[in-house]
Protein backbone atom coordinates (compact mmCIF):
# COMPACT_ATOMS: atom_id res chain seq x y z
CA MET A 1 -4.47 -5.63 -26.45
CA VAL A 2 -1.33 -5.95 -23.87
CA ARG A 3 -1.43 -7.48 -20.65
CA ILE A 4 -0.32 -5.52 -17.44
CA ILE A 5 0.00 -6.02 -13.50
CA GLU A 6 -1.63 -3.63 -11.37
CA THR A 7 -0.53 -3.63 -7.60
CA ASN A 8 -2.61 -1.29 -5.04
CA LEU A 9 -0.26 -0.93 -1.99
CA SER A 10 -2.84 0.40 1.08
CA LEU A 11 -0.72 2.60 3.21
CA ASN A 12 -1.70 4.01 6.99
CA CYS A 13 -0.99 7.84 8.10
CA ASP A 14 2.92 6.62 8.78
CA ASP A 15 3.22 5.41 4.67
CA LYS A 16 3.41 1.76 6.39
CA ILE A 17 1.91 -0.82 3.86
CA ILE A 18 -1.14 -2.39 5.67
CA ASP A 19 -2.42 -4.47 2.68
CA HIS A 20 -1.94 -5.15 -0.81
CA GLN A 21 -3.80 -6.35 -4.03
CA SER A 22 -2.27 -7.28 -7.26
CA ARG A 23 -3.84 -8.61 -10.86
CA VAL A 24 -3.17 -9.07 -14.16
CA THR A 25 -5.54 -7.52 -16.47
CA GLU A 26 -5.60 -6.77 -20.55
CA VAL A 27 -5.67 -3.44 -21.49
CA GLU A 28 -6.03 -1.64 -25.38
CA SER A 29 -2.60 -0.18 -25.23
CA TRP A 30 0.08 0.54 -22.70
CA SER A 31 0.05 4.29 -23.98
CA SER A 32 -4.16 4.39 -23.69
CA TYR A 33 -3.50 2.97 -19.80
CA VAL A 34 -1.05 5.87 -19.09
CA VAL A 35 -3.46 8.16 -20.32
CA GLU A 36 -6.44 6.46 -18.75
CA ILE A 37 -4.74 6.27 -15.14
CA GLY A 38 -3.19 10.15 -15.68
CA SER A 39 -6.33 11.70 -16.17
CA GLY A 40 -8.01 9.66 -13.29
CA GLU A 41 -10.30 7.72 -15.25
CA SER A 42 -11.78 4.94 -13.91
CA VAL A 43 -12.29 1.87 -15.99
CA SER A 44 -14.13 -1.37 -14.82
CA ARG A 45 -12.07 -4.54 -16.34
CA GLY A 46 -13.52 -8.27 -16.39
CA GLY A 47 -11.66 -11.20 -16.14
CA SER A 48 -11.00 -13.48 -13.65
CA MET A 49 -9.97 -10.78 -11.47
CA PRO A 50 -12.44 -8.00 -12.09
CA GLY A 51 -12.42 -4.49 -10.71
CA PHE A 52 -11.54 -0.88 -11.69
CA SER A 53 -8.28 0.65 -12.67
CA LEU A 54 -8.85 3.40 -9.95
CA PRO A 55 -11.77 4.16 -7.51
CA ARG A 56 -13.80 6.92 -8.84
CA GLY A 57 -13.14 10.30 -7.62
CA VAL A 58 -9.82 10.37 -6.41
CA ASN A 59 -7.28 12.57 -6.72
CA ILE A 60 -3.97 11.41 -8.74
CA ASP A 61 -0.61 12.61 -7.01
CA HIS A 62 3.08 11.71 -7.94
CA PHE A 63 2.35 10.30 -11.29
CA ASP A 64 5.34 8.83 -13.14
CA TYR A 65 5.94 6.14 -15.67
CA ASP A 66 8.32 4.78 -18.65
CA GLU A 67 7.95 2.27 -21.12
CA HIS A 68 6.72 -0.38 -18.80
CA HIS A 69 6.12 1.23 -15.73
CA LEU A 70 3.68 3.47 -13.82
CA THR A 71 3.43 4.73 -10.57
CA CYS A 72 0.85 7.14 -8.98
CA ASP A 73 -0.50 7.67 -5.40
CA PHE A 74 -3.84 8.87 -4.79
CA GLN A 75 -5.94 9.35 -1.49
CA TYR A 76 -9.73 8.42 -0.46
CA LEU A 77 -11.87 11.30 1.31
CA ASP A 78 -11.46 9.23 4.64
CA GLY A 79 -7.57 10.08 4.15
CA MET A 80 -6.55 6.34 3.30
CA LYS A 81 -3.48 6.34 0.81
CA ILE A 82 -3.05 4.41 -1.85
CA LYS A 83 0.18 3.58 -3.98
CA HIS A 84 -0.89 2.21 -7.46
CA LEU A 85 1.78 0.44 -9.45
CA ALA A 86 1.46 -1.08 -12.76
CA TYR A 87 4.03 -3.23 -14.81
CA LEU A 88 3.71 -3.93 -18.87
CA ILE A 89 4.22 -7.68 -19.50
CA LYS A 90 6.38 -7.80 -22.71
CA GLU A 91 5.49 -11.26 -24.30
């Protein structure tokens, strides 16, 4: 298991940040997390800050990652945009 920091930035129609949330969560591996997010899979995780890796039924856009960063955008049906960021914690 590895730990990652996930951050979601809520953006308005002018791409101004209107809210943000971050959490530290554990995943099986960085590579499995990248595949999970890239395929749009929504996984529920527990811990001190439970929640889903992605909302269900969103379309992923601008997906990019390297050995310890991941970024993508998605949009809800009501038009709200989210920038999803993840960072692998190196221990």
